[in-house]
Amino acid sequence: MNDTKSLPALPDRLSVNPRSRHHVAEICESGIGILLNGKEHFDVEEYCISEGWVKIPSLKALDRRGQPLLMKRKGTVEAFYR
């Protein structure tokens, strides 16, 4: 069981992609859960709590670098440690 008191506070915006400027490795390694409109999502690539959106990779479409295209979904976003 994780001790959430020793973990850093979750930022307003976070990305799991190491190339992003919003990536924080220590937080991503500890395991984060994301709720969008009360439903937990396991495939979130990036989120922003204040603006109310998450980015989820598409299943088949790829960009020119071979990375999956990201779809933005809006709603109430809540982040928590697992």
C-alpha atoms as a PDB file:
ATOM      1  CA  MET A   1       0.000   0.000   0.000  1.00  0.00           C
ATOM      2  CA  ASN A   2       1.365   3.417  -0.970  1.00  0.00           C
ATOM      3  CA  ASP A   3       1.876   6.165   1.552  1.00  0.00           C
ATOM      4  CA  THR A   4       0.296   9.192  -0.167  1.00  0.00           C
ATOM      5  CA  LYS A   5       1.748  11.610   2.388  1.00  0.00           C
ATOM      6  CA  SER A   6       5.290  11.076   1.073  1.00  0.00           C
ATOM      7  CA  LEU A   7       4.260  11.596  -2.576  1.00  0.00           C
ATOM      8  CA  PRO A   8       4.435  15.049  -4.193  1.00  0.00           C
ATOM      9  CA  ALA A   9       1.238  16.933  -4.935  1.00  0.00           C
ATOM     10  CA  LEU A  10      -0.281  16.245  -8.335  1.00  0.00           C
ATOM     11  CA  PRO A  11       0.251  19.079 -10.843  1.00  0.00           C
ATOM     12  CA  ASP A  12      -2.561  20.799 -12.723  1.00  0.00           C
ATOM     13  CA  ARG A  13      -1.202  19.456 -16.019  1.00  0.00           C
ATOM     14  CA  LEU A  14       0.765  16.245 -16.532  1.00  0.00           C
ATOM     15  CA  SER A  15       1.917  14.140 -19.480  1.00  0.00           C
ATOM     16  CA  VAL A  16       3.251  10.578 -19.514  1.00  0.00           C
ATOM     17  CA  ASN A  17       5.248  11.285 -22.695  1.00  0.00           C
ATOM     18  CA  PRO A  18       8.907  11.935 -21.737  1.00  0.00           C
ATOM     19  CA  ARG A  19       9.317  14.336 -24.693  1.00  0.00           C
ATOM     20  CA  SER A  20       6.643  16.678 -23.299  1.00  0.00           C
ATOM     21  CA  ARG A  21       7.531  19.702 -21.178  1.00  0.00           C
ATOM     22  CA  HIS A  22       4.727  18.668 -18.777  1.00  0.00           C
ATOM     23  CA  HIS A  23       6.312  15.291 -17.997  1.00  0.00           C
ATOM     24  CA  VAL A  24       7.374  14.621 -14.386  1.00  0.00           C
ATOM     25  CA  ALA A  25       9.008  11.186 -14.109  1.00  0.00           C
ATOM     26  CA  GLU A  26       8.678  10.811 -10.321  1.00  0.00           C
ATOM     27  CA  ILE A  27       4.927  11.302 -10.430  1.00  0.00           C
ATOM     28  CA  CYS A  28       4.342   9.109 -13.489  1.00  0.00           C
ATOM     29  CA  GLU A  29       6.248   6.190 -11.953  1.00  0.00           C
ATOM     30  CA  SER A  30       4.156   6.193  -8.766  1.00  0.00           C
ATOM     31  CA  GLY A  31       0.885   5.372 -10.544  1.00  0.00           C
ATOM     32  CA  ILE A  32      -1.880   7.897 -11.184  1.00  0.00           C
ATOM     33  CA  GLY A  33      -5.579   7.395 -11.768  1.00  0.00           C
ATOM     34  CA  ILE A  34      -7.701   9.761 -13.846  1.00  0.00           C
ATOM     35  CA  LEU A  35     -11.441  10.281 -13.536  1.00  0.00           C
ATOM     36  CA  LEU A  36     -13.221  12.005 -16.414  1.00  0.00           C
ATOM     37  CA  ASN A  37     -16.849  12.819 -15.593  1.00  0.00           C
ATOM     38  CA  GLY A  38     -16.777  10.232 -12.795  1.00  0.00           C
ATOM     39  CA  LYS A  39     -15.469   7.372 -14.958  1.00  0.00           C
ATOM     40  CA  GLU A  40     -11.914   6.067 -14.561  1.00  0.00           C
ATOM     41  CA  HIS A  41      -9.773   6.026 -17.704  1.00  0.00           C
ATOM     42  CA  PHE A  42      -6.627   3.923 -18.013  1.00  0.00           C
ATOM     43  CA  ASP A  43      -5.309   5.184 -21.367  1.00  0.00           C
ATOM     44  CA  VAL A  44      -4.818   8.900 -20.638  1.00  0.00           C
ATOM     45  CA  GLU A  45      -1.687  10.366 -22.236  1.00  0.00           C
ATOM     46  CA  GLU A  46      -2.025  13.913 -20.851  1.00  0.00           C
ATOM     47  CA  TYR A  47      -4.478  15.813 -18.655  1.00  0.00           C
ATOM     48  CA  CYS A  48      -5.263  19.348 -17.479  1.00  0.00           C
ATOM     49  CA  ILE A  49      -7.512  19.747 -14.453  1.00  0.00           C
ATOM     50  CA  SER A  50      -8.106  23.525 -14.662  1.00  0.00           C
ATOM     51  CA  GLU A  51      -9.073  23.464 -18.352  1.00  0.00           C
ATOM     52  CA  GLY A  52     -11.055  20.219 -17.975  1.00  0.00           C
ATOM     53  CA  TRP A  53      -9.609  17.951 -20.687  1.00  0.00           C
ATOM     54  CA  VAL A  54      -7.682  14.726 -21.195  1.00  0.00           C
ATOM     55  CA  LYS A  55      -5.855  13.464 -24.265  1.00  0.00           C
ATOM     56  CA  ILE A  56      -6.371   9.829 -25.206  1.00  0.00           C
ATOM     57  CA  PRO A  57      -4.503   8.060 -28.042  1.00  0.00           C
ATOM     58  CA  SER A  58      -6.576   6.914 -31.008  1.00  0.00           C
ATOM     59  CA  LEU A  59      -6.631   3.210 -31.754  1.00  0.00           C
ATOM     60  CA  LYS A  60      -5.385   3.166 -35.352  1.00  0.00           C
ATOM     61  CA  ALA A  61      -4.436   6.635 -36.591  1.00  0.00           C
ATOM     62  CA  LEU A  62      -0.759   7.599 -36.441  1.00  0.00           C
ATOM     63  CA  ASP A  63       0.992  10.901 -37.009  1.00  0.00           C
ATOM     64  CA  ARG A  64       3.939  11.310 -39.406  1.00  0.00           C
ATOM     65  CA  ARG A  65       6.413  10.225 -36.712  1.00  0.00           C
ATOM     66  CA  GLY A  66       4.542   6.982 -36.035  1.00  0.00           C
ATOM     67  CA  GLN A  67       3.045   8.122 -32.730  1.00  0.00           C
ATOM     68  CA  PRO A  68      -0.710   7.644 -32.131  1.00  0.00           C
ATOM     69  CA  LEU A  69      -2.872  10.703 -32.701  1.00  0.00           C
ATOM     70  CA  LEU A  70      -4.318  12.142 -29.514  1.00  0.00           C
ATOM     71  CA  MET A  71      -8.023  12.895 -29.125  1.00  0.00           C
ATOM     72  CA  LYS A  72      -9.052  15.567 -26.637  1.00  0.00           C
ATOM     73  CA  ARG A  73     -12.043  14.785 -24.425  1.00  0.00           C
ATOM     74  CA  LYS A  74     -13.557  17.469 -22.206  1.00  0.00           C
ATOM     75  CA  GLY A  75     -15.307  17.256 -18.866  1.00  0.00           C
ATOM     76  CA  THR A  76     -14.605  17.218 -15.139  1.00  0.00           C
ATOM     77  CA  VAL A  77     -11.093  15.856 -14.562  1.00  0.00           C
ATOM     78  CA  GLU A  78      -9.873  14.439 -11.244  1.00  0.00           C
ATOM     79  CA  ALA A  79      -6.403  12.967 -10.679  1.00  0.00           C
ATOM     80  CA  PHE A  80      -5.420  10.725  -7.784  1.00  0.00           C
ATOM     81  CA  TYR A  81      -2.669   8.339  -6.697  1.00  0.00           C
ATOM     82  CA  ARG A  82      -3.446   4.645  -6.913  1.00  0.00           C
END
